[in-house]
């Protein structure tokens, strides 16, 4: 079994696509993203079809010749069906691999398996495990694997969802799941995904800055301490600098958001979040002060560590409002520094 070093779960939105494109070639070579298409419920079928095609086209363009998975885990049957159709239309030129799961509709499973067979790029089975391992899920995966053409390569994406302080047994439950799933087939890639980034709320940031443990990373370290043979073949995955709930949000309603945003930085053990204003006369000065706060962290890796750190340095030292960014730019810079740091951490 071969595969990537790191599998980030990324929303198929502009800020995440730009973050991926800003990774250095050495970092990008170790990364195979799982792109999540946003839910698009209640749209006219023609509008839905146009939007899904655009989502796939945007992700394909940023991936170019590098493989990635694409999924719509929050979609209804109509969007899932459209995604399968769009991927099949572009199968010969697209680097995107489809994703299904044991809980997906029968029609979606069948379309995914047929696409994988005809395109030759393989596919992934995404197993959602937001709590304790359920043996019934394992039976569903076994039934799905039994339907896979022997010539088709399959990937396993064990998705733990949010991994916070309330899941101290996340590593142990992952091992229970993997004990059941790993023997089912010679997986091309097997990755464990978890979202340790907190939900960004006014309460979390009531003091301006918050420092939250990287619970998913701690669970990963516990998992990889296991003596099971398959552990050394696993890839690490996370939800970047957004929470699973944040990635699940659909397109913006256009009604605006709170009068504040967040600068984010990843250290060896923690996520650091600093609240910044999105409007007001002192907006630029406050954002630059927040950037300087991150630069002053003992764990700040220096302006040349990656494009995310470079942006923070330039923001901290700048003058006026130019270069202070907005919510999308802050997410982009946060994802670049996070993904770069994770790859380097995994390599060392």
Protein backbone atom coordinates (compact mmCIF):
# COMPACT_ATOMS: atom_id res chain seq x y z
CA UNK A 1 0.00 0.00 0.00
CA UNK A 2 1.30 3.44 -0.94
CA UNK A 3 -0.20 6.85 -0.51
CA UNK A 4 0.22 10.42 0.65
CA UNK A 5 1.82 11.60 3.86
CA UNK A 6 -1.01 14.01 4.64
CA UNK A 7 -4.70 14.18 3.72
CA UNK A 8 -6.26 17.57 4.54
CA UNK A 9 -10.04 17.83 4.35
CA UNK A 10 -10.65 21.10 2.49
CA UNK A 11 -13.80 22.92 1.43
CA UNK A 12 -14.06 23.43 -2.33
CA UNK A 13 -13.95 27.19 -1.83
CA UNK A 14 -11.63 29.81 -3.25
CA UNK A 15 -9.60 30.42 -0.08
CA UNK A 16 -8.79 26.70 0.30
CA UNK A 17 -7.94 26.26 -3.38
CA UNK A 18 -5.61 29.23 -3.23
CA UNK A 19 -3.99 27.89 -0.06
CA UNK A 20 -3.27 24.59 -1.78
CA UNK A 21 -1.78 26.39 -4.78
CA UNK A 22 0.53 28.38 -2.47
CA UNK A 23 2.15 25.29 -0.97
CA UNK A 24 5.74 24.76 -2.01
CA UNK A 25 6.28 21.91 -4.51
CA UNK A 26 8.00 19.81 -1.84
CA UNK A 27 5.03 20.16 0.52
CA UNK A 28 2.43 19.76 -2.21
CA UNK A 29 4.04 16.47 -3.28
CA UNK A 30 3.18 14.98 0.13
CA UNK A 31 -0.43 16.18 0.14
CA UNK A 32 -3.51 14.59 -1.39
CA UNK A 33 -6.56 16.66 -0.38
CA UNK A 34 -10.08 15.45 0.21
CA UNK A 35 -12.17 18.24 -1.30
CA UNK A 36 -15.64 18.65 0.20
CA UNK A 37 -18.25 20.22 -2.04
CA UNK A 38 -20.66 22.48 -0.12
CA UNK A 39 -24.28 21.45 0.40
CA UNK A 40 -26.58 23.11 -2.12
CA UNK A 41 -30.09 22.20 -1.02
CA UNK A 42 -33.27 23.71 -2.44
CA UNK A 43 -31.86 24.88 -5.77
CA UNK A 44 -33.57 24.52 -9.13
CA UNK A 45 -32.12 21.43 -10.90
CA UNK A 46 -30.54 23.55 -13.64
CA UNK A 47 -28.88 25.87 -11.14
CA UNK A 48 -27.72 22.92 -9.05
CA UNK A 49 -26.19 21.25 -12.12
CA UNK A 50 -24.34 24.44 -13.05
CA UNK A 51 -23.01 24.92 -9.53
CA UNK A 52 -21.82 21.33 -9.12
CA UNK A 53 -20.05 21.43 -12.50
CA UNK A 54 -18.36 24.68 -11.49
CA UNK A 55 -17.26 23.22 -8.15
CA UNK A 56 -15.66 20.23 -9.87
CA UNK A 57 -14.10 22.39 -12.60
CA UNK A 58 -12.54 24.71 -10.01
CA UNK A 59 -11.03 21.86 -8.01
CA UNK A 60 -9.79 20.08 -11.15
CA UNK A 61 -8.08 23.25 -12.32
CA UNK A 62 -6.19 23.74 -9.06
CA UNK A 63 -5.17 20.07 -8.89
CA UNK A 64 -4.06 19.88 -12.51
CA UNK A 65 -2.16 16.58 -12.73
CA UNK A 66 -2.03 15.88 -8.98
CA UNK A 67 -4.56 13.36 -7.63
CA UNK A 68 -7.19 14.26 -5.05
CA UNK A 69 -10.49 12.96 -3.77
CA UNK A 70 -13.72 14.89 -4.18
CA UNK A 71 -16.82 14.29 -2.08
CA UNK A 72 -20.17 15.81 -1.21
CA UNK A 73 -20.83 14.30 2.23
CA UNK A 74 -23.55 16.80 3.15
CA UNK A 75 -25.43 16.58 -0.16
CA UNK A 76 -28.87 15.25 -0.90
CA UNK A 77 -29.48 12.49 -3.44
CA UNK A 78 -29.87 14.97 -6.31
CA UNK A 79 -26.47 16.59 -5.70
CA UNK A 80 -24.79 13.22 -5.20
CA UNK A 81 -26.19 11.98 -8.49
CA UNK A 82 -25.03 15.12 -10.30
CA UNK A 83 -21.53 14.80 -8.84
CA UNK A 84 -21.29 11.22 -10.08
CA UNK A 85 -22.42 12.30 -13.55
CA UNK A 86 -19.98 15.22 -13.73
CA UNK A 87 -17.03 13.11 -12.63
CA UNK A 88 -17.92 10.45 -15.20
CA UNK A 89 -18.04 13.04 -17.99
CA UNK A 90 -14.50 14.22 -17.17
CA UNK A 91 -13.06 10.83 -16.20
CA UNK A 92 -10.40 10.72 -18.92
CA UNK A 93 -8.84 14.09 -18.06
CA UNK A 94 -9.66 14.69 -14.39
CA UNK A 95 -7.25 13.87 -11.53
CA UNK A 96 -10.19 13.63 -9.12
CA UNK A 97 -11.13 10.38 -7.45
CA UNK A 98 -14.74 9.84 -6.36
CA UNK A 99 -15.78 8.97 -2.82
CA UNK A 100 -18.64 6.89 -1.49
CA UNK A 101 -19.46 5.22 1.80
CA UNK A 102 -21.48 2.45 3.41
CA UNK A 103 -24.30 4.83 4.32
CA UNK A 104 -24.59 6.40 0.85
CA UNK A 105 -27.57 5.62 -1.43
CA UNK A 106 -27.29 2.46 -3.50
CA UNK A 107 -27.37 4.48 -6.72
CA UNK A 108 -24.45 6.63 -5.61
CA UNK A 109 -22.40 3.60 -4.63
CA UNK A 110 -23.05 1.93 -7.97
CA UNK A 111 -22.18 5.07 -9.94
CA UNK A 112 -18.95 5.53 -7.96
CA UNK A 113 -17.87 1.94 -8.51
CA UNK A 114 -18.61 2.17 -12.23
CA UNK A 115 -16.71 5.46 -12.52
CA UNK A 116 -13.72 3.93 -10.72
CA UNK A 117 -13.78 0.92 -13.04
CA UNK A 118 -14.01 2.93 -16.26
CA UNK A 119 -11.65 5.78 -15.33
CA UNK A 120 -8.95 3.64 -13.79
CA UNK A 121 -8.13 6.16 -11.04
CA UNK A 122 -9.69 4.20 -8.20
CA UNK A 123 -12.00 5.57 -5.53
CA UNK A 124 -12.30 6.01 -1.76
CA UNK A 125 -14.62 4.63 0.87
CA UNK A 126 -15.19 7.28 3.51
CA UNK A 127 -16.21 5.74 6.82
CA UNK A 128 -17.76 8.29 9.17
CA UNK A 129 -17.09 7.57 12.85
CA UNK A 130 -18.21 10.54 14.96
CA UNK A 131 -18.28 8.42 18.14
CA UNK A 132 -17.63 4.84 19.14
CA UNK A 133 -16.93 2.22 16.51
CA UNK A 134 -20.05 0.38 15.33
CA UNK A 135 -19.54 -3.14 13.97
CA UNK A 136 -22.59 -2.66 11.75
CA UNK A 137 -20.63 -0.02 9.82
CA UNK A 138 -17.90 -2.58 9.27
CA UNK A 139 -20.42 -4.97 7.75
CA UNK A 140 -21.54 -2.21 5.39
CA UNK A 141 -17.96 -1.57 4.27
CA UNK A 142 -17.41 -5.30 3.78
CA UNK A 143 -20.49 -5.51 1.54
CA UNK A 144 -19.30 -2.50 -0.46
CA UNK A 145 -15.79 -3.89 -0.89
CA UNK A 146 -17.26 -7.17 -2.13
CA UNK A 147 -18.76 -5.29 -5.09
CA UNK A 148 -15.48 -3.67 -6.18
CA UNK A 149 -13.90 -4.85 -9.41
CA UNK A 150 -10.64 -6.65 -8.50
CA UNK A 151 -8.73 -4.39 -10.89
CA UNK A 152 -9.92 -1.21 -9.12
CA UNK A 153 -7.75 0.38 -6.41
CA UNK A 154 -9.63 1.41 -3.28
CA UNK A 155 -8.72 3.92 -0.57
CA UNK A 156 -9.94 3.95 3.02
CA UNK A 157 -10.71 7.31 4.65
CA UNK A 158 -11.66 6.78 8.31
CA UNK A 159 -13.23 10.11 9.27
CA UNK A 160 -13.54 10.70 13.02
CA UNK A 161 -15.21 14.08 12.59
CA UNK A 162 -14.61 16.47 15.48
CA UNK A 163 -11.93 15.26 17.91
CA UNK A 164 -11.98 17.38 21.04
CA UNK A 165 -11.53 16.98 24.79
CA UNK A 166 -14.82 15.05 25.00
CA UNK A 167 -13.33 12.15 22.98
CA UNK A 168 -10.42 10.90 25.08
CA UNK A 169 -10.79 7.42 23.56
CA UNK A 170 -10.59 8.57 19.92
CA UNK A 171 -7.31 6.72 19.31
CA UNK A 172 -8.57 3.51 20.89
CA UNK A 173 -11.80 3.65 18.89
CA UNK A 174 -9.78 4.26 15.72
CA UNK A 175 -7.79 1.12 16.38
CA UNK A 176 -11.00 -0.86 16.88
CA UNK A 177 -12.25 0.41 13.53
CA UNK A 178 -8.98 -0.24 11.74
CA UNK A 179 -8.76 -3.76 13.17
CA UNK A 180 -12.04 -4.47 11.39
CA UNK A 181 -11.42 -2.49 8.19
CA UNK A 182 -7.77 -2.96 7.27
CA UNK A 183 -8.03 -6.72 6.52
CA UNK A 184 -10.95 -6.25 4.10
CA UNK A 185 -8.85 -5.43 1.03
CA UNK A 186 -5.30 -4.32 0.10
CA UNK A 187 -6.09 -0.61 0.42
CA UNK A 188 -4.05 1.66 -1.86
CA UNK A 189 -4.22 4.40 0.81
CA UNK A 190 -5.55 4.28 4.35
CA UNK A 191 -5.91 7.57 6.21
CA UNK A 192 -7.35 8.60 9.56
CA UNK A 193 -8.99 12.04 9.52
CA UNK A 194 -9.94 14.14 12.53
CA UNK A 195 -11.00 17.72 13.14
CA UNK A 196 -9.28 19.20 16.17
CA UNK A 197 -9.81 22.87 15.33
CA UNK A 198 -12.45 24.44 17.60
CA UNK A 199 -15.72 26.00 16.52
CA UNK A 200 -15.01 29.73 16.26
CA UNK A 201 -17.50 31.51 18.50
CA UNK A 202 -17.71 34.86 20.29
CA UNK A 203 -17.55 33.00 23.61
CA UNK A 204 -14.31 31.24 22.63
CA UNK A 205 -12.75 34.60 21.76
CA UNK A 206 -14.26 36.69 24.56
CA UNK A 207 -10.74 37.57 25.77
CA UNK A 208 -9.43 38.33 22.27
CA UNK A 209 -7.02 35.40 21.98
CA UNK A 210 -7.65 31.70 22.54
CA UNK A 211 -5.21 28.79 22.72
CA UNK A 212 -6.79 25.39 22.10
CA UNK A 213 -5.06 21.99 22.22
CA UNK A 214 -4.68 20.06 18.97
CA UNK A 215 -6.75 17.14 20.21
CA UNK A 216 -6.71 15.34 16.85
CA UNK A 217 -2.91 15.49 16.69
CA UNK A 218 -2.66 14.11 20.24
CA UNK A 219 -5.00 11.25 19.24
CA UNK A 220 -2.85 10.59 16.14
CA UNK A 221 0.30 10.36 18.26
CA UNK A 222 -1.42 7.91 20.59
CA UNK A 223 -2.66 5.90 17.61
CA UNK A 224 0.80 5.66 16.05
CA UNK A 225 2.29 4.47 19.34
CA UNK A 226 0.38 1.22 18.78
CA UNK A 227 2.39 -1.88 17.90
CA UNK A 228 -0.09 -2.97 15.22
CA UNK A 229 1.69 -3.60 11.94
CA UNK A 230 -0.69 -1.53 9.81
CA UNK A 231 -0.12 1.67 11.79
CA UNK A 232 3.11 2.53 9.99
CA UNK A 233 1.22 2.52 6.68
CA UNK A 234 -1.45 5.01 7.74
CA UNK A 235 -1.67 8.57 6.47
CA UNK A 236 -2.58 11.42 8.80
CA UNK A 237 -5.51 13.66 7.93
CA UNK A 238 -7.24 16.63 9.51
CA UNK A 239 -9.64 19.49 8.78
CA UNK A 240 -6.93 22.12 8.59
CA UNK A 241 -7.63 25.36 10.43
CA UNK A 242 -11.40 24.97 10.29
CA UNK A 243 -13.77 22.79 12.26
CA UNK A 244 -15.83 19.99 10.69
CA UNK A 245 -18.89 22.14 11.31
CA UNK A 246 -17.27 25.11 9.58
CA UNK A 247 -16.38 23.06 6.50
CA UNK A 248 -19.95 21.73 6.35
CA UNK A 249 -21.42 25.21 5.85
CA UNK A 250 -22.94 25.96 2.47
CA UNK A 251 -22.30 29.02 0.31
CA UNK A 252 -22.57 32.38 2.03
CA UNK A 253 -26.05 33.82 2.23
CA UNK A 254 -24.69 37.26 1.39
CA UNK A 255 -26.19 38.73 4.57
CA UNK A 256 -22.80 39.45 6.10
CA UNK A 257 -21.26 38.00 9.23
CA UNK A 258 -20.09 39.20 12.63
CA UNK A 259 -18.00 42.37 12.86
CA UNK A 260 -14.92 40.30 13.61
CA UNK A 261 -12.77 37.56 12.14
CA UNK A 262 -9.79 35.44 13.23
CA UNK A 263 -6.09 35.10 12.52
CA UNK A 264 -4.97 31.50 13.12
CA UNK A 265 -1.66 29.85 13.82
CA UNK A 266 -0.64 26.25 14.46
CA UNK A 267 2.04 25.24 16.96
CA UNK A 268 3.29 21.82 17.96
CA UNK A 269 0.57 21.31 20.57
CA UNK A 270 -2.01 24.08 20.03
CA UNK A 271 -4.08 26.25 17.75
CA UNK A 272 -3.77 29.97 18.48
CA UNK A 273 -6.71 32.16 17.47
CA UNK A 274 -6.63 35.95 17.62
CA UNK A 275 -9.77 38.03 17.14
CA UNK A 276 -9.62 40.91 14.65
CA UNK A 277 -12.25 43.45 13.51
CA UNK A 278 -13.70 43.38 10.01
CA UNK A 279 -14.79 47.02 10.05
CA UNK A 280 -14.24 50.27 11.91
CA UNK A 281 -11.67 53.06 11.89
CA UNK A 282 -9.10 51.06 13.86
CA UNK A 283 -9.49 47.93 11.77
CA UNK A 284 -6.08 47.96 10.05
CA UNK A 285 -4.16 48.84 13.20
CA UNK A 286 -5.89 46.09 15.18
CA UNK A 287 -5.20 43.46 12.52
CA UNK A 288 -1.53 44.41 12.35
CA UNK A 289 -1.30 44.25 16.14
CA UNK A 290 -2.84 40.75 16.08
CA UNK A 291 -0.32 39.66 13.45
CA UNK A 292 2.51 40.98 15.63
CA UNK A 293 1.10 38.95 18.52
CA UNK A 294 1.43 35.79 16.43
CA UNK A 295 4.95 36.72 15.32
CA UNK A 296 5.90 37.07 19.00
CA UNK A 297 4.87 33.49 19.82
CA UNK A 298 7.84 31.37 20.99
CA UNK A 299 6.71 28.79 18.42
CA UNK A 300 6.49 31.17 15.46
CA UNK A 301 8.57 29.54 12.76
CA UNK A 302 9.87 32.62 10.99
CA UNK A 303 8.75 34.54 7.92
CA UNK A 304 10.49 32.16 5.52
CA UNK A 305 8.79 29.00 6.84
CA UNK A 306 6.05 29.32 4.23
CA UNK A 307 3.67 31.66 2.47
CA UNK A 308 1.41 31.83 5.55
CA UNK A 309 4.20 33.10 7.79
CA UNK A 310 5.34 35.52 5.08
CA UNK A 311 1.87 37.00 4.92
CA UNK A 312 1.75 37.43 8.71
CA UNK A 313 5.15 39.16 8.68
CA UNK A 314 4.14 41.53 5.90
CA UNK A 315 0.82 42.27 7.59
CA UNK A 316 2.49 42.98 10.93
CA UNK A 317 5.03 45.39 9.40
CA UNK A 318 2.77 47.14 6.90
CA UNK A 319 1.22 50.57 6.95
CA UNK A 320 -2.35 51.65 6.30
CA UNK A 321 -5.13 49.26 5.34
CA UNK A 322 -3.44 47.62 2.33
CA UNK A 323 -2.38 44.05 3.00
CA UNK A 324 -4.49 43.47 6.09
CA UNK A 325 -6.75 41.01 4.26
CA UNK A 326 -10.26 39.84 4.94
CA UNK A 327 -11.91 36.65 6.19
CA UNK A 328 -10.98 34.69 3.04
CA UNK A 329 -7.35 35.87 3.12
CA UNK A 330 -7.05 34.99 6.83
CA UNK A 331 -8.36 31.49 6.15
CA UNK A 332 -6.00 31.13 3.19
CA UNK A 333 -2.93 32.20 5.17
CA UNK A 334 -3.97 29.99 8.08
CA UNK A 335 -4.35 26.93 5.89
CA UNK A 336 -1.02 27.46 4.12
CA UNK A 337 0.95 27.69 7.37
CA UNK A 338 -0.95 24.75 8.87
CA UNK A 339 -0.54 22.37 5.94
CA UNK A 340 3.13 23.27 5.54
CA UNK A 341 3.80 22.70 9.23
CA UNK A 342 1.92 19.38 9.34
CA UNK A 343 3.89 17.96 6.41
CA UNK A 344 7.19 18.98 7.97
CA UNK A 345 6.11 17.55 11.34
CA UNK A 346 5.19 14.23 9.75
CA UNK A 347 8.49 14.07 7.90
CA UNK A 348 10.51 14.59 11.08
